[in-house]
């Protein structure tokens, strides 16, 4: 189910706070884009299995 047709991007989605937010949003039916440095990590894979769209993002890497 997509809530209002919106996608919620969650930075730090494999950390404690971001992970809790991402899991809750998924449980509530939101479409979640999980942003993480390592999309192959166990936490990222668990979010993908739960329905999140996991993307590799490095917030410290400036645009080129």
N, C-alpha and C. Protein backbone atom coordinates (compact mmCIF):
# COMPACT_ATOMS: atom_id res chain seq x y z
N UNK A 1 0.85 -1.18 0.00
CA UNK A 1 0.00 0.00 0.00
C UNK A 1 0.89 1.24 0.00
N UNK A 2 0.53 2.22 -0.76
CA UNK A 2 1.24 3.49 -0.78
C UNK A 2 0.36 4.52 -0.09
N UNK A 3 0.90 5.18 0.92
CA UNK A 3 0.16 6.20 1.66
C UNK A 3 0.30 7.52 0.92
N UNK A 4 -0.79 8.05 0.43
CA UNK A 4 -0.82 9.34 -0.26
C UNK A 4 0.10 9.40 -1.47
N UNK A 5 0.56 8.27 -1.99
CA UNK A 5 1.45 8.26 -3.14
C UNK A 5 2.82 8.82 -2.86
N UNK A 6 3.18 8.95 -1.60
CA UNK A 6 4.46 9.54 -1.22
C UNK A 6 5.49 8.48 -0.87
N UNK A 7 6.75 8.83 -1.06
CA UNK A 7 7.87 7.99 -0.65
C UNK A 7 8.60 8.72 0.46
N UNK A 8 8.88 8.02 1.55
CA UNK A 8 9.62 8.61 2.66
C UNK A 8 11.06 8.12 2.59
N UNK A 9 12.02 9.04 2.51
CA UNK A 9 13.44 8.69 2.53
C UNK A 9 13.93 8.77 3.97
N UNK A 10 14.55 7.68 4.42
CA UNK A 10 15.06 7.62 5.80
C UNK A 10 16.57 7.50 5.75
N UNK A 11 17.27 8.56 6.15
CA UNK A 11 18.73 8.53 6.23
C UNK A 11 19.15 7.76 7.47
N UNK A 12 20.25 7.05 7.36
CA UNK A 12 20.73 6.27 8.50
C UNK A 12 19.80 5.13 8.84
N UNK A 13 19.21 4.54 7.82
CA UNK A 13 18.15 3.55 8.03
C UNK A 13 18.63 2.24 8.65
N UNK A 14 19.93 2.00 8.69
CA UNK A 14 20.42 0.78 9.33
C UNK A 14 20.92 1.04 10.75
N UNK A 15 20.83 2.27 11.18
CA UNK A 15 21.20 2.61 12.56
C UNK A 15 20.03 2.40 13.50
N UNK A 16 20.26 2.69 14.77
CA UNK A 16 19.22 2.46 15.78
C UNK A 16 18.01 3.35 15.56
N UNK A 17 18.20 4.65 15.44
CA UNK A 17 17.07 5.57 15.28
C UNK A 17 16.44 5.46 13.90
N UNK A 18 17.26 5.56 12.86
CA UNK A 18 16.73 5.48 11.50
C UNK A 18 16.08 4.14 11.21
N UNK A 19 16.66 3.07 11.75
CA UNK A 19 16.09 1.74 11.56
C UNK A 19 14.72 1.61 12.19
N UNK A 20 14.58 2.17 13.39
CA UNK A 20 13.28 2.13 14.07
C UNK A 20 12.24 2.91 13.27
N UNK A 21 12.64 4.06 12.75
CA UNK A 21 11.72 4.88 11.95
C UNK A 21 11.33 4.13 10.68
N UNK A 22 12.31 3.57 9.99
CA UNK A 22 12.03 2.87 8.73
C UNK A 22 11.10 1.68 8.96
N UNK A 23 11.38 0.89 10.00
CA UNK A 23 10.53 -0.28 10.28
C UNK A 23 9.11 0.13 10.63
N UNK A 24 8.96 1.20 11.40
CA UNK A 24 7.62 1.66 11.78
C UNK A 24 6.85 2.15 10.56
N UNK A 25 7.52 2.94 9.72
CA UNK A 25 6.86 3.43 8.50
C UNK A 25 6.43 2.28 7.60
N UNK A 26 7.30 1.28 7.44
CA UNK A 26 6.93 0.12 6.64
C UNK A 26 5.73 -0.60 7.24
N UNK A 27 5.73 -0.77 8.55
CA UNK A 27 4.62 -1.44 9.23
C UNK A 27 3.31 -0.68 9.06
N UNK A 28 3.41 0.65 8.95
CA UNK A 28 2.22 1.49 8.79
C UNK A 28 1.80 1.65 7.33
N UNK A 29 2.52 1.00 6.41
CA UNK A 29 2.11 1.01 5.01
C UNK A 29 2.76 2.06 4.13
N UNK A 30 3.74 2.77 4.64
CA UNK A 30 4.42 3.78 3.84
C UNK A 30 5.40 3.13 2.86
N UNK A 31 5.67 3.82 1.77
CA UNK A 31 6.74 3.42 0.86
C UNK A 31 8.02 4.06 1.39
N UNK A 32 9.01 3.22 1.69
CA UNK A 32 10.23 3.71 2.34
C UNK A 32 11.43 3.54 1.41
N UNK A 33 12.19 4.60 1.25
CA UNK A 33 13.49 4.54 0.58
C UNK A 33 14.52 4.62 1.69
N UNK A 34 15.19 3.51 1.94
CA UNK A 34 16.16 3.40 3.03
C UNK A 34 17.54 3.80 2.52
N UNK A 35 18.09 4.87 3.06
CA UNK A 35 19.39 5.37 2.65
C UNK A 35 20.45 4.87 3.62
N UNK A 36 21.49 4.24 3.08
CA UNK A 36 22.54 3.67 3.90
C UNK A 36 23.86 3.67 3.15
N UNK A 37 24.96 3.66 3.89
CA UNK A 37 26.27 3.60 3.22
C UNK A 37 26.52 2.23 2.59
N UNK A 38 26.00 1.16 3.21
CA UNK A 38 26.27 -0.19 2.72
C UNK A 38 24.97 -0.97 2.51
N UNK A 39 24.47 -0.99 1.28
CA UNK A 39 23.21 -1.68 1.02
C UNK A 39 23.32 -3.20 1.10
N UNK A 40 24.53 -3.73 1.29
CA UNK A 40 24.70 -5.18 1.43
C UNK A 40 24.79 -5.62 2.89
N UNK A 41 24.71 -4.68 3.81
CA UNK A 41 24.79 -5.02 5.24
C UNK A 41 23.56 -5.82 5.66
N UNK A 42 23.68 -6.59 6.75
CA UNK A 42 22.52 -7.36 7.22
C UNK A 42 21.30 -6.48 7.51
N UNK A 43 21.51 -5.31 8.09
CA UNK A 43 20.39 -4.41 8.39
C UNK A 43 19.71 -3.92 7.13
N UNK A 44 20.50 -3.59 6.12
CA UNK A 44 19.94 -3.13 4.85
C UNK A 44 19.18 -4.25 4.15
N UNK A 45 19.73 -5.45 4.20
CA UNK A 45 19.04 -6.59 3.58
C UNK A 45 17.72 -6.88 4.29
N UNK A 46 17.71 -6.73 5.62
CA UNK A 46 16.47 -6.95 6.37
C UNK A 46 15.41 -5.93 5.98
N UNK A 47 15.82 -4.67 5.80
CA UNK A 47 14.87 -3.64 5.38
C UNK A 47 14.35 -3.93 3.97
N UNK A 48 15.24 -4.38 3.08
CA UNK A 48 14.81 -4.73 1.73
C UNK A 48 13.80 -5.88 1.77
N UNK A 49 14.08 -6.87 2.61
CA UNK A 49 13.15 -8.00 2.75
C UNK A 49 11.80 -7.56 3.30
N UNK A 50 11.81 -6.47 4.09
CA UNK A 50 10.56 -5.95 4.66
C UNK A 50 9.82 -5.04 3.68
N UNK A 51 10.45 -4.75 2.52
CA UNK A 51 9.77 -3.97 1.50
C UNK A 51 10.36 -2.61 1.21
N UNK A 52 11.45 -2.24 1.88
CA UNK A 52 12.07 -0.94 1.63
C UNK A 52 12.88 -0.97 0.33
N UNK A 53 12.97 0.18 -0.30
CA UNK A 53 13.83 0.39 -1.46
C UNK A 53 15.15 0.90 -0.90
N UNK A 54 16.17 0.03 -0.82
CA UNK A 54 17.44 0.38 -0.18
C UNK A 54 18.37 0.98 -1.22
N UNK A 55 18.95 2.13 -0.87
CA UNK A 55 19.87 2.84 -1.77
C UNK A 55 21.17 3.18 -1.04
N UNK A 56 22.29 3.06 -1.75
CA UNK A 56 23.59 3.44 -1.20
C UNK A 56 23.74 4.95 -1.30
N UNK A 57 24.01 5.58 -0.16
CA UNK A 57 24.18 7.03 -0.11
C UNK A 57 25.28 7.34 0.91
N UNK A 58 26.21 8.20 0.52
CA UNK A 58 27.23 8.67 1.46
C UNK A 58 27.03 10.17 1.63
N UNK A 59 26.47 10.56 2.75
CA UNK A 59 26.16 11.97 2.99
C UNK A 59 27.41 12.84 3.06
N UNK A 60 28.57 12.23 3.32
CA UNK A 60 29.81 12.99 3.41
C UNK A 60 30.49 13.17 2.06
N UNK A 61 29.98 12.51 1.03
CA UNK A 61 30.57 12.58 -0.30
C UNK A 61 29.94 13.72 -1.08
N UNK A 62 30.69 14.83 -1.30
CA UNK A 62 30.10 15.97 -2.01
C UNK A 62 29.84 15.64 -3.48
N UNK A 63 28.88 16.32 -4.09
CA UNK A 63 28.61 16.10 -5.52
C UNK A 63 29.83 16.46 -6.35
N UNK A 64 29.97 15.80 -7.47
CA UNK A 64 31.13 16.04 -8.35
C UNK A 64 30.73 16.91 -9.51
